[in-house]
Amino acid sequence: MPFINVETNLPASKFPEDLLKKLCTTLAAALGKPEDRMNLVVKTDLPMMIAGSCSPCLLMSLSAIGVTDTAEKNKEHSAKIFQFLKGELGLSDERILILFYPLEPHQIGKKGTVMSFL
């Protein structure tokens, strides 16, 4: 059950519904998770600065159980996600940052309990 938050200074027009679906599909494949478990929020038009510049940029926070807990896994995920974002949004490597957070089942509440008990 990955949770993805995207914050960007790009306009909302760059994120039509079909791009959100393609991003979800790409992230699910990169993480080896089912698409129906993906949770994605995109916040656009934000005042942002990365590396001292307000040029178009994107910050992604990605939290998931069992797939973001090692440098090796995150390196593979990063390569796939960067390729997609660069191709779809025209951003360079220097204008994208991804923060990976490992989650444990007891840290996700669902259906009045936590994932450990579902």
Protein backbone atom coordinates (compact mmCIF):
# COMPACT_ATOMS: atom_id res chain seq x y z
CA MET A 1 0.00 0.00 0.00
CA PRO A 2 2.39 2.72 -1.18
CA PHE A 3 1.73 6.37 -0.43
CA ILE A 4 3.12 8.87 -2.91
CA ASN A 5 3.05 12.64 -2.46
CA VAL A 6 4.24 14.81 -5.32
CA GLU A 7 4.89 18.49 -4.76
CA THR A 8 5.81 20.67 -7.71
CA ASN A 9 5.88 24.22 -8.96
CA LEU A 10 4.62 22.99 -12.33
CA PRO A 11 1.07 24.05 -13.25
CA ALA A 12 -1.87 21.69 -12.73
CA SER A 13 -2.33 21.57 -16.50
CA LYS A 14 0.81 19.38 -16.68
CA PHE A 15 -1.02 16.68 -14.65
CA PRO A 16 -4.17 15.64 -16.53
CA GLU A 17 -5.95 12.50 -15.34
CA ASP A 18 -4.26 10.30 -17.95
CA LEU A 19 -0.82 11.37 -16.68
CA LEU A 20 -1.84 10.55 -13.11
CA LYS A 21 -2.93 7.09 -14.26
CA LYS A 22 0.34 6.57 -16.17
CA LEU A 23 2.32 7.72 -13.11
CA CYS A 24 0.38 5.32 -10.90
CA THR A 25 1.00 2.45 -13.34
CA THR A 26 4.71 3.30 -13.54
CA LEU A 27 5.09 3.53 -9.76
CA ALA A 28 3.20 0.26 -9.20
CA ALA A 29 5.43 -1.53 -11.70
CA ALA A 30 8.61 0.00 -10.29
CA LEU A 31 7.68 -1.03 -6.75
CA GLY A 32 6.18 -4.41 -7.67
CA LYS A 33 2.85 -3.46 -6.07
CA PRO A 34 -0.71 -3.81 -7.43
CA GLU A 35 -2.13 -0.63 -8.97
CA ASP A 36 -5.26 -0.85 -6.84
CA ARG A 37 -3.10 -0.42 -3.72
CA MET A 38 -1.46 2.81 -4.86
CA ASN A 39 -2.29 6.11 -3.14
CA LEU A 40 -1.19 9.22 -4.99
CA VAL A 41 -1.51 12.94 -4.22
CA VAL A 42 -0.16 15.62 -6.54
CA LYS A 43 0.13 19.23 -5.35
CA THR A 44 0.88 21.68 -8.14
CA ASP A 45 1.56 25.40 -8.53
CA LEU A 46 3.59 25.53 -5.30
CA PRO A 47 6.26 28.11 -4.55
CA MET A 48 9.34 25.87 -4.53
CA MET A 49 13.09 26.03 -4.64
CA ILE A 50 15.50 23.14 -5.17
CA ALA A 51 19.26 23.67 -5.19
CA GLY A 52 18.84 27.42 -4.94
CA SER A 53 16.64 27.73 -8.04
CA CYS A 54 12.90 28.26 -8.55
CA SER A 55 13.07 26.68 -12.03
CA PRO A 56 10.52 23.89 -12.63
CA CYS A 57 11.09 21.12 -10.11
CA LEU A 58 9.44 18.19 -8.36
CA LEU A 59 9.75 16.63 -4.91
CA MET A 60 8.31 13.15 -4.40
CA SER A 61 7.85 11.42 -1.05
CA LEU A 62 7.34 7.68 -1.40
CA SER A 63 6.39 5.45 1.55
CA ALA A 64 5.78 1.72 1.25
CA ILE A 65 5.96 -1.59 3.10
CA GLY A 66 8.87 -3.87 2.25
CA VAL A 67 10.13 -2.16 -0.90
CA THR A 68 11.84 1.05 0.26
CA ASP A 69 14.05 -0.36 2.97
CA THR A 70 17.43 -0.71 1.23
CA ALA A 71 19.73 1.44 -0.87
CA GLU A 72 19.77 -1.19 -3.62
CA LYS A 73 15.97 -1.26 -3.95
CA ASN A 74 15.68 2.52 -3.86
CA LYS A 75 18.38 2.91 -6.50
CA GLU A 76 16.34 0.71 -8.86
CA HIS A 77 13.09 2.52 -8.03
CA SER A 78 14.77 5.90 -8.50
CA ALA A 79 16.06 5.05 -11.97
CA LYS A 80 12.61 3.96 -13.19
CA ILE A 81 10.77 6.89 -11.63
CA PHE A 82 13.29 9.47 -12.89
CA GLN A 83 13.04 8.08 -16.41
CA PHE A 84 9.27 8.49 -16.36
CA LEU A 85 9.26 11.98 -14.83
CA LYS A 86 11.94 13.28 -17.16
CA GLY A 87 10.16 11.91 -20.22
CA GLU A 88 6.66 13.04 -19.27
CA LEU A 89 7.42 16.38 -17.62
CA GLY A 90 10.66 17.42 -19.32
CA LEU A 91 12.50 17.90 -16.02
CA SER A 92 16.23 17.22 -15.70
CA ASP A 93 17.83 14.97 -13.07
CA GLU A 94 18.86 18.05 -11.08
CA ARG A 95 15.25 19.25 -10.73
CA ILE A 96 13.79 16.04 -9.26
CA LEU A 97 14.19 14.71 -5.72
CA ILE A 98 12.67 11.53 -4.28
CA LEU A 99 12.46 10.82 -0.56
CA PHE A 100 12.00 7.11 0.27
CA TYR A 101 10.42 6.07 3.57
CA PRO A 102 10.02 2.45 4.68
CA LEU A 103 6.76 1.60 6.43
CA GLU A 104 5.74 -1.24 8.71
CA PRO A 105 2.23 -2.74 8.63
CA HIS A 106 1.45 -1.40 12.12
CA GLN A 107 2.03 2.17 10.88
CA ILE A 108 -0.94 2.18 8.46
CA GLY A 109 -4.49 2.46 9.75
CA LYS A 110 -7.25 0.95 7.63
CA LYS A 111 -10.81 -0.21 8.27
CA GLY A 112 -10.62 0.77 11.95
CA THR A 113 -7.47 -1.24 12.62
CA VAL A 114 -3.95 -1.42 11.23
CA MET A 115 -2.59 -3.39 8.29
CA SER A 116 -0.94 -5.90 10.66
CA PHE A 117 -4.39 -7.30 11.45
CA LEU A 118 -5.87 -7.30 7.95
